């Protein structure tokens, strides 16, 4: 059993970066969070939480009955990554 744990730990640690979202840079004049949130809400989305993660804006919310997690570029407002549950 110890040998399994010895092998599993490096694999788990190696996979951890793959679970992380995108990384962004903040340029001077980047968009404010409300400028990202407003179109999402106007399209019918409901924001449960919004935060900055690795300089990207991240929305946790719902669209209809689906949970969504969306990463946005703070400079352009472009969707970088999206997960629907």
PDB file of N, CA and C in Angstrom:
ATOM      1  N   UNK A   1       0.818  -1.195   0.000  1.00  0.00           N
ATOM      2  CA  UNK A   1       0.000   0.000   0.000  1.00  0.00           C
ATOM      3  C   UNK A   1       0.860   1.255   0.000  1.00  0.00           C
ATOM      4  N   UNK A   2       1.980   1.213   0.719  1.00  0.00           N
ATOM      5  CA  UNK A   2       2.848   2.381   0.752  1.00  0.00           C
ATOM      6  C   UNK A   2       3.401   2.694  -0.629  1.00  0.00           C
ATOM      7  N   UNK A   3       3.696   1.668  -1.408  1.00  0.00           N
ATOM      8  CA  UNK A   3       4.245   1.917  -2.743  1.00  0.00           C
ATOM      9  C   UNK A   3       3.209   2.592  -3.640  1.00  0.00           C
ATOM     10  N   UNK A   4       1.929   2.250  -3.470  1.00  0.00           N
ATOM     11  CA  UNK A   4       0.885   2.898  -4.258  1.00  0.00           C
ATOM     12  C   UNK A   4       0.821   4.385  -3.926  1.00  0.00           C
ATOM     13  N   UNK A   5       0.843   4.715  -2.649  1.00  0.00           N
ATOM     14  CA  UNK A   5       0.811   6.118  -2.239  1.00  0.00           C
ATOM     15  C   UNK A   5       2.042   6.848  -2.748  1.00  0.00           C
ATOM     16  N   UNK A   6       3.166   6.180  -2.732  1.00  0.00           N
ATOM     17  CA  UNK A   6       4.414   6.769  -3.210  1.00  0.00           C
ATOM     18  C   UNK A   6       4.308   7.115  -4.695  1.00  0.00           C
ATOM     19  N   UNK A   7       3.634   6.282  -5.470  1.00  0.00           N
ATOM     20  CA  UNK A   7       3.465   6.528  -6.904  1.00  0.00           C
ATOM     21  C   UNK A   7       2.334   7.513  -7.188  1.00  0.00           C
ATOM     22  N   UNK A   8       1.286   7.473  -6.394  1.00  0.00           N
ATOM     23  CA  UNK A   8       0.119   8.312  -6.655  1.00  0.00           C
ATOM     24  C   UNK A   8       0.380   9.784  -6.360  1.00  0.00           C
ATOM     25  N   UNK A   9       1.165  10.086  -5.349  1.00  0.00           N
ATOM     26  CA  UNK A   9       1.407  11.475  -4.979  1.00  0.00           C
ATOM     27  C   UNK A   9       2.055  12.276  -6.103  1.00  0.00           C
ATOM     28  N   UNK A  10       3.137  11.800  -6.727  1.00  0.00           N
ATOM     29  CA  UNK A  10       3.708  12.595  -7.828  1.00  0.00           C
ATOM     30  C   UNK A  10       2.738  12.784  -8.992  1.00  0.00           C
ATOM     31  N   UNK A  11       1.922  11.788  -9.273  1.00  0.00           N
ATOM     32  CA  UNK A  11       0.944  11.918 -10.357  1.00  0.00           C
ATOM     33  C   UNK A  11      -0.110  12.961 -10.010  1.00  0.00           C
ATOM     34  N   UNK A  12      -0.562  12.967  -8.775  1.00  0.00           N
ATOM     35  CA  UNK A  12      -1.557  13.957  -8.356  1.00  0.00           C
ATOM     36  C   UNK A  12      -0.978  15.362  -8.405  1.00  0.00           C
ATOM     37  N   UNK A  13       0.251  15.520  -7.971  1.00  0.00           N
ATOM     38  CA  UNK A  13       0.886  16.835  -8.005  1.00  0.00           C
ATOM     39  C   UNK A  13       1.129  17.305  -9.432  1.00  0.00           C
ATOM     40  N   UNK A  14       1.454  16.401 -10.318  1.00  0.00           N
ATOM     41  CA  UNK A  14       1.684  16.759 -11.720  1.00  0.00           C
ATOM     42  C   UNK A  14       0.387  17.183 -12.395  1.00  0.00           C
ATOM     43  N   UNK A  15      -0.730  16.617 -11.975  1.00  0.00           N
ATOM     44  CA  UNK A  15      -2.020  16.943 -12.587  1.00  0.00           C
ATOM     45  C   UNK A  15      -2.593  18.251 -12.061  1.00  0.00           C
ATOM     46  N   UNK A  16      -2.154  18.720 -10.916  1.00  0.00           N
ATOM     47  CA  UNK A  16      -2.722  19.926 -10.307  1.00  0.00           C
ATOM     48  C   UNK A  16      -2.668  21.147 -11.215  1.00  0.00           C
ATOM     49  N   UNK A  17      -1.555  21.448 -11.907  1.00  0.00           N
ATOM     50  CA  UNK A  17      -1.559  22.619 -12.784  1.00  0.00           C
ATOM     51  C   UNK A  17      -2.564  22.515 -13.928  1.00  0.00           C
ATOM     52  N   UNK A  18      -2.889  21.314 -14.355  1.00  0.00           N
ATOM     53  CA  UNK A  18      -3.847  21.144 -15.442  1.00  0.00           C
ATOM     54  C   UNK A  18      -5.251  21.551 -15.006  1.00  0.00           C
ATOM     55  N   UNK A  19      -5.522  21.533 -13.705  1.00  0.00           N
ATOM     56  CA  UNK A  19      -6.837  21.905 -13.208  1.00  0.00           C
ATOM     57  C   UNK A  19      -7.002  23.414 -13.067  1.00  0.00           C
ATOM     58  N   UNK A  20      -5.921  24.142 -13.081  1.00  0.00           N
ATOM     59  CA  UNK A  20      -5.971  25.591 -12.911  1.00  0.00           C
ATOM     60  C   UNK A  20      -6.517  26.248 -14.176  1.00  0.00           C
ATOM     61  N   UNK A  21      -7.110  27.419 -13.991  1.00  0.00           N
ATOM     62  CA  UNK A  21      -7.649  28.167 -15.117  1.00  0.00           C
ATOM     63  C   UNK A  21      -6.555  28.925 -15.845  1.00  0.00           C
ATOM     64  N   UNK A  22      -6.946  29.738 -16.812  1.00  0.00           N
ATOM     65  CA  UNK A  22      -5.965  30.503 -17.588  1.00  0.00           C
ATOM     66  C   UNK A  22      -5.294  31.584 -16.746  1.00  0.00           C
ATOM     67  N   UNK A  23      -4.191  32.082 -17.232  1.00  0.00           N
ATOM     68  CA  UNK A  23      -3.477  33.186 -16.588  1.00  0.00           C
ATOM     69  C   UNK A  23      -3.592  34.412 -17.489  1.00  0.00           C
ATOM     70  N   UNK A  24      -3.782  35.566 -16.875  1.00  0.00           N
ATOM     71  CA  UNK A  24      -3.960  36.810 -17.620  1.00  0.00           C
ATOM     72  C   UNK A  24      -2.972  37.863 -17.133  1.00  0.00           C
ATOM     73  N   UNK A  25      -2.831  38.898 -17.924  1.00  0.00           N
ATOM     74  CA  UNK A  25      -2.078  40.078 -17.510  1.00  0.00           C
ATOM     75  C   UNK A  25      -3.051  41.250 -17.461  1.00  0.00           C
ATOM     76  N   UNK A  26      -2.784  42.183 -16.563  1.00  0.00           N
ATOM     77  CA  UNK A  26      -3.611  43.385 -16.469  1.00  0.00           C
ATOM     78  C   UNK A  26      -2.884  44.526 -17.148  1.00  0.00           C
ATOM     79  N   UNK A  27      -3.396  44.955 -18.282  1.00  0.00           N
ATOM     80  CA  UNK A  27      -2.831  46.108 -18.974  1.00  0.00           C
ATOM     81  C   UNK A  27      -3.440  47.378 -18.391  1.00  0.00           C
ATOM     82  N   UNK A  28      -2.741  48.477 -18.571  1.00  0.00           N
ATOM     83  CA  UNK A  28      -3.305  49.754 -18.152  1.00  0.00           C
ATOM     84  C   UNK A  28      -4.582  49.987 -18.961  1.00  0.00           C
ATOM     85  N   UNK A  29      -5.626  50.420 -18.302  1.00  0.00           N
ATOM     86  CA  UNK A  29      -6.892  50.645 -18.989  1.00  0.00           C
ATOM     87  C   UNK A  29      -7.732  49.390 -19.129  1.00  0.00           C
ATOM     88  N   UNK A  30      -7.436  48.336 -18.345  1.00  0.00           N
ATOM     89  CA  UNK A  30      -8.227  47.105 -18.422  1.00  0.00           C
ATOM     90  C   UNK A  30      -9.678  47.380 -18.020  1.00  0.00           C
ATOM     91  N   UNK A  31     -10.562  46.489 -18.401  1.00  0.00           N
ATOM     92  CA  UNK A  31     -11.987  46.630 -18.108  1.00  0.00           C
ATOM     93  C   UNK A  31     -12.233  46.447 -16.615  1.00  0.00           C
ATOM     94  N   UNK A  32     -13.276  47.087 -16.125  1.00  0.00           N
ATOM     95  CA  UNK A  32     -13.702  46.897 -14.745  1.00  0.00           C
ATOM     96  C   UNK A  32     -14.592  45.653 -14.673  1.00  0.00           C
ATOM     97  N   UNK A  33     -14.687  45.073 -13.487  1.00  0.00           N
ATOM     98  CA  UNK A  33     -15.476  43.845 -13.335  1.00  0.00           C
ATOM     99  C   UNK A  33     -16.931  44.043 -13.758  1.00  0.00           C
ATOM    100  N   UNK A  34     -17.506  45.198 -13.449  1.00  0.00           N
ATOM    101  CA  UNK A  34     -18.909  45.422 -13.798  1.00  0.00           C
ATOM    102  C   UNK A  34     -19.110  45.413 -15.306  1.00  0.00           C
ATOM    103  N   UNK A  35     -18.073  45.782 -16.072  1.00  0.00           N
ATOM    104  CA  UNK A  35     -18.188  45.783 -17.529  1.00  0.00           C
ATOM    105  C   UNK A  35     -18.243  44.361 -18.083  1.00  0.00           C
ATOM    106  N   UNK A  36     -17.712  43.409 -17.345  1.00  0.00           N
ATOM    107  CA  UNK A  36     -17.807  41.997 -17.719  1.00  0.00           C
ATOM    108  C   UNK A  36     -19.147  41.437 -17.230  1.00  0.00           C
ATOM    109  N   UNK A  37     -19.530  41.817 -16.012  1.00  0.00           N
ATOM    110  CA  UNK A  37     -20.743  41.278 -15.394  1.00  0.00           C
ATOM    111  C   UNK A  37     -22.015  41.727 -16.109  1.00  0.00           C
ATOM    112  N   UNK A  38     -22.063  42.976 -16.540  1.00  0.00           N
ATOM    113  CA  UNK A  38     -23.289  43.546 -17.107  1.00  0.00           C
ATOM    114  C   UNK A  38     -23.821  42.757 -18.313  1.00  0.00           C
ATOM    115  N   UNK A  39     -23.005  42.465 -19.344  1.00  0.00           N
ATOM    116  CA  UNK A  39     -23.539  41.693 -20.477  1.00  0.00           C
ATOM    117  C   UNK A  39     -23.987  40.284 -20.082  1.00  0.00           C
ATOM    118  N   UNK A  40     -23.276  39.674 -19.126  1.00  0.00           N
ATOM    119  CA  UNK A  40     -23.663  38.344 -18.652  1.00  0.00           C
ATOM    120  C   UNK A  40     -25.054  38.393 -18.029  1.00  0.00           C
ATOM    121  N   UNK A  41     -25.292  39.390 -17.178  1.00  0.00           N
ATOM    122  CA  UNK A  41     -26.593  39.526 -16.524  1.00  0.00           C
ATOM    123  C   UNK A  41     -27.674  39.958 -17.507  1.00  0.00           C
ATOM    124  N   UNK A  42     -27.345  40.827 -18.451  1.00  0.00           N
ATOM    125  CA  UNK A  42     -28.329  41.262 -19.451  1.00  0.00           C
ATOM    126  C   UNK A  42     -28.772  40.108 -20.338  1.00  0.00           C
ATOM    127  N   UNK A  43     -27.898  39.104 -20.502  1.00  0.00           N
ATOM    128  CA  UNK A  43     -28.244  37.927 -21.299  1.00  0.00           C
ATOM    129  C   UNK A  43     -29.019  36.895 -20.473  1.00  0.00           C
ATOM    130  N   UNK A  44     -29.349  37.236 -19.216  1.00  0.00           N
ATOM    131  CA  UNK A  44     -30.141  36.336 -18.381  1.00  0.00           C
ATOM    132  C   UNK A  44     -29.342  35.550 -17.361  1.00  0.00           C
ATOM    133  N   UNK A  45     -28.043  35.741 -17.314  1.00  0.00           N
ATOM    134  CA  UNK A  45     -27.217  35.035 -16.340  1.00  0.00           C
ATOM    135  C   UNK A  45     -27.364  35.624 -14.948  1.00  0.00           C
ATOM    136  N   UNK A  46     -27.167  34.783 -13.957  1.00  0.00           N
ATOM    137  CA  UNK A  46     -27.201  35.206 -12.557  1.00  0.00           C
ATOM    138  C   UNK A  46     -25.829  34.926 -11.958  1.00  0.00           C
ATOM    139  N   UNK A  47     -25.206  35.958 -11.420  1.00  0.00           N
ATOM    140  CA  UNK A  47     -23.871  35.816 -10.840  1.00  0.00           C
ATOM    141  C   UNK A  47     -24.000  35.447  -9.372  1.00  0.00           C
ATOM    142  N   UNK A  48     -23.367  34.353  -8.995  1.00  0.00           N
ATOM    143  CA  UNK A  48     -23.308  33.954  -7.588  1.00  0.00           C
ATOM    144  C   UNK A  48     -22.030  34.475  -6.948  1.00  0.00           C
ATOM    145  N   UNK A  49     -20.950  34.488  -7.715  1.00  0.00           N
ATOM    146  CA  UNK A  49     -19.667  34.999  -7.224  1.00  0.00           C
ATOM    147  C   UNK A  49     -18.855  35.468  -8.421  1.00  0.00           C
ATOM    148  N   UNK A  50     -18.113  36.542  -8.227  1.00  0.00           N
ATOM    149  CA  UNK A  50     -17.191  37.026  -9.253  1.00  0.00           C
ATOM    150  C   UNK A  50     -15.892  37.371  -8.556  1.00  0.00           C
ATOM    151  N   UNK A  51     -14.776  36.902  -9.120  1.00  0.00           N
ATOM    152  CA  UNK A  51     -13.491  37.153  -8.476  1.00  0.00           C
ATOM    153  C   UNK A  51     -12.397  37.266  -9.517  1.00  0.00           C
ATOM    154  N   UNK A  52     -11.222  37.649  -9.046  1.00  0.00           N
ATOM    155  CA  UNK A  52     -10.032  37.707  -9.887  1.00  0.00           C
ATOM    156  C   UNK A  52      -9.194  36.478  -9.568  1.00  0.00           C
ATOM    157  N   UNK A  53      -8.844  35.720 -10.593  1.00  0.00           N
ATOM    158  CA  UNK A  53      -8.047  34.512 -10.438  1.00  0.00           C
ATOM    159  C   UNK A  53      -6.919  34.549 -11.458  1.00  0.00           C
ATOM    160  N   UNK A  54      -5.672  34.630 -10.983  1.00  0.00           N
ATOM    161  CA  UNK A  54      -4.500  34.770 -11.863  1.00  0.00           C
ATOM    162  C   UNK A  54      -4.685  35.929 -12.840  1.00  0.00           C
ATOM    163  N   UNK A  55      -5.200  37.031 -12.332  1.00  0.00           N
ATOM    164  CA  UNK A  55      -5.458  38.267 -13.078  1.00  0.00           C
ATOM    165  C   UNK A  55      -6.584  38.148 -14.098  1.00  0.00           C
ATOM    166  N   UNK A  56      -7.259  37.015 -14.183  1.00  0.00           N
ATOM    167  CA  UNK A  56      -8.433  36.866 -15.046  1.00  0.00           C
ATOM    168  C   UNK A  56      -9.682  37.116 -14.206  1.00  0.00           C
ATOM    169  N   UNK A  57     -10.732  37.640 -14.826  1.00  0.00           N
ATOM    170  CA  UNK A  57     -12.013  37.770 -14.150  1.00  0.00           C
ATOM    171  C   UNK A  57     -12.742  36.439 -14.282  1.00  0.00           C
ATOM    172  N   UNK A  58     -13.309  35.987 -13.181  1.00  0.00           N
ATOM    173  CA  UNK A  58     -13.970  34.688 -13.171  1.00  0.00           C
ATOM    174  C   UNK A  58     -15.379  34.842 -12.613  1.00  0.00           C
ATOM    175  N   UNK A  59     -16.355  34.348 -13.352  1.00  0.00           N
ATOM    176  CA  UNK A  59     -17.750  34.374 -12.913  1.00  0.00           C
ATOM    177  C   UNK A  59     -18.189  32.954 -12.592  1.00  0.00           C
ATOM    178  N   UNK A  60     -18.774  32.797 -11.405  1.00  0.00           N
ATOM    179  CA  UNK A  60     -19.495  31.587 -11.036  1.00  0.00           C
ATOM    180  C   UNK A  60     -20.955  31.994 -11.009  1.00  0.00           C
ATOM    181  N   UNK A  61     -21.770  31.318 -11.781  1.00  0.00           N
ATOM    182  CA  UNK A  61     -23.166  31.700 -11.820  1.00  0.00           C
ATOM    183  C   UNK A  61     -24.022  30.647 -12.483  1.00  0.00           C
ATOM    184  N   UNK A  62     -25.204  31.086 -12.906  1.00  0.00           N
ATOM    185  CA  UNK A  62     -26.125  30.190 -13.591  1.00  0.00           C
ATOM    186  C   UNK A  62     -26.673  30.871 -14.835  1.00  0.00           C
ATOM    187  N   UNK A  63     -26.948  30.048 -15.820  1.00  0.00           N
ATOM    188  CA  UNK A  63     -27.666  30.458 -17.030  1.00  0.00           C
ATOM    189  C   UNK A  63     -28.818  29.480 -17.163  1.00  0.00           C
ATOM    190  N   UNK A  64     -30.012  29.942 -16.859  1.00  0.00           N
ATOM    191  CA  UNK A  64     -31.147  29.026 -16.804  1.00  0.00           C
ATOM    192  C   UNK A  64     -30.947  28.068 -15.647  1.00  0.00           C
ATOM    193  N   UNK A  65     -30.981  26.768 -15.942  1.00  0.00           N
ATOM    194  CA  UNK A  65     -30.787  25.776 -14.882  1.00  0.00           C
ATOM    195  C   UNK A  65     -29.370  25.208 -14.871  1.00  0.00           C
ATOM    196  N   UNK A  66     -28.468  25.783 -15.664  1.00  0.00           N
ATOM    197  CA  UNK A  66     -27.086  25.292 -15.734  1.00  0.00           C
ATOM    198  C   UNK A  66     -26.147  26.169 -14.917  1.00  0.00           C
ATOM    199  N   UNK A  67     -25.272  25.521 -14.138  1.00  0.00           N
ATOM    200  CA  UNK A  67     -24.206  26.247 -13.450  1.00  0.00           C
ATOM    201  C   UNK A  67     -23.089  26.500 -14.448  1.00  0.00           C
ATOM    202  N   UNK A  68     -22.488  27.672 -14.379  1.00  0.00           N
ATOM    203  CA  UNK A  68     -21.389  28.006 -15.281  1.00  0.00           C
ATOM    204  C   UNK A  68     -20.222  28.584 -14.485  1.00  0.00           C
ATOM    205  N   UNK A  69     -19.032  28.355 -15.013  1.00  0.00           N
ATOM    206  CA  UNK A  69     -17.802  28.968 -14.515  1.00  0.00           C
ATOM    207  C   UNK A  69     -17.099  29.509 -15.755  1.00  0.00           C
ATOM    208  N   UNK A  70     -16.922  30.824 -15.811  1.00  0.00           N
ATOM    209  CA  UNK A  70     -16.394  31.457 -17.015  1.00  0.00           C
ATOM    210  C   UNK A  70     -15.222  32.356 -16.651  1.00  0.00           C
ATOM    211  N   UNK A  71     -14.115  32.195 -17.380  1.00  0.00           N
ATOM    212  CA  UNK A  71     -12.938  33.056 -17.221  1.00  0.00           C
ATOM    213  C   UNK A  71     -12.914  34.062 -18.365  1.00  0.00           C
ATOM    214  N   UNK A  72     -12.664  35.324 -18.028  1.00  0.00           N
ATOM    215  CA  UNK A  72     -12.619  36.399 -19.015  1.00  0.00           C
ATOM    216  C   UNK A  72     -11.258  37.081 -19.000  1.00  0.00           C
ATOM    217  N   UNK A  73     -10.811  37.515 -20.175  1.00  0.00           N
ATOM    218  CA  UNK A  73      -9.629  38.366 -20.273  1.00  0.00           C
ATOM    219  C   UNK A  73     -10.035  39.753 -19.780  1.00  0.00           C
ATOM    220  N   UNK A  74      -9.346  40.309 -18.773  1.00  0.00           N
ATOM    221  CA  UNK A  74      -9.751  41.601 -18.228  1.00  0.00           C
ATOM    222  C   UNK A  74      -9.471  42.775 -19.159  1.00  0.00           C
ATOM    223  N   UNK A  75      -8.659  42.569 -20.172  1.00  0.00           N
ATOM    224  CA  UNK A  75      -8.316  43.645 -21.100  1.00  0.00           C
ATOM    225  C   UNK A  75      -9.294  43.748 -22.262  1.00  0.00           C
ATOM    226  N   UNK A  76      -9.817  42.604 -22.712  1.00  0.00           N
ATOM    227  CA  UNK A  76     -10.680  42.582 -23.893  1.00  0.00           C
ATOM    228  C   UNK A  76     -12.113  42.138 -23.604  1.00  0.00           C
ATOM    229  N   UNK A  77     -12.327  41.454 -22.478  1.00  0.00           N
ATOM    230  CA  UNK A  77     -13.639  40.888 -22.177  1.00  0.00           C
ATOM    231  C   UNK A  77     -13.888  39.564 -22.870  1.00  0.00           C
ATOM    232  N   UNK A  78     -12.897  39.061 -23.579  1.00  0.00           N
ATOM    233  CA  UNK A  78     -13.020  37.794 -24.305  1.00  0.00           C
ATOM    234  C   UNK A  78     -13.148  36.626 -23.326  1.00  0.00           C
ATOM    235  N   UNK A  79     -14.030  35.667 -23.647  1.00  0.00           N
ATOM    236  CA  UNK A  79     -14.148  34.445 -22.851  1.00  0.00           C
ATOM    237  C   UNK A  79     -12.936  33.577 -23.157  1.00  0.00           C
ATOM    238  N   UNK A  80     -12.186  33.233 -22.110  1.00  0.00           N
ATOM    239  CA  UNK A  80     -10.986  32.419 -22.276  1.00  0.00           C
ATOM    240  C   UNK A  80     -11.254  30.943 -22.031  1.00  0.00           C
ATOM    241  N   UNK A  81     -12.144  30.678 -21.098  1.00  0.00           N
ATOM    242  CA  UNK A  81     -12.463  29.295 -20.743  1.00  0.00           C
ATOM    243  C   UNK A  81     -13.851  29.277 -20.130  1.00  0.00           C
ATOM    244  N   UNK A  82     -14.567  28.189 -20.384  1.00  0.00           N
ATOM    245  CA  UNK A  82     -15.942  28.084 -19.880  1.00  0.00           C
ATOM    246  C   UNK A  82     -16.231  26.639 -19.522  1.00  0.00           C
ATOM    247  N   UNK A  83     -16.860  26.451 -18.362  1.00  0.00           N
ATOM    248  CA  UNK A  83     -17.311  25.126 -17.936  1.00  0.00           C
ATOM    249  C   UNK A  83     -18.792  25.208 -17.614  1.00  0.00           C
ATOM    250  N   UNK A  84     -19.569  24.320 -18.194  1.00  0.00           N
ATOM    251  CA  UNK A  84     -21.003  24.233 -17.909  1.00  0.00           C
ATOM    252  C   UNK A  84     -21.262  22.932 -17.165  1.00  0.00           C
ATOM    253  N   UNK A  85     -22.058  23.013 -16.111  1.00  0.00           N
ATOM    254  CA  UNK A  85     -22.434  21.794 -15.368  1.00  0.00           C
ATOM    255  C   UNK A  85     -23.880  21.471 -15.586  1.00  0.00           C
TER     256      UNK A  85
END
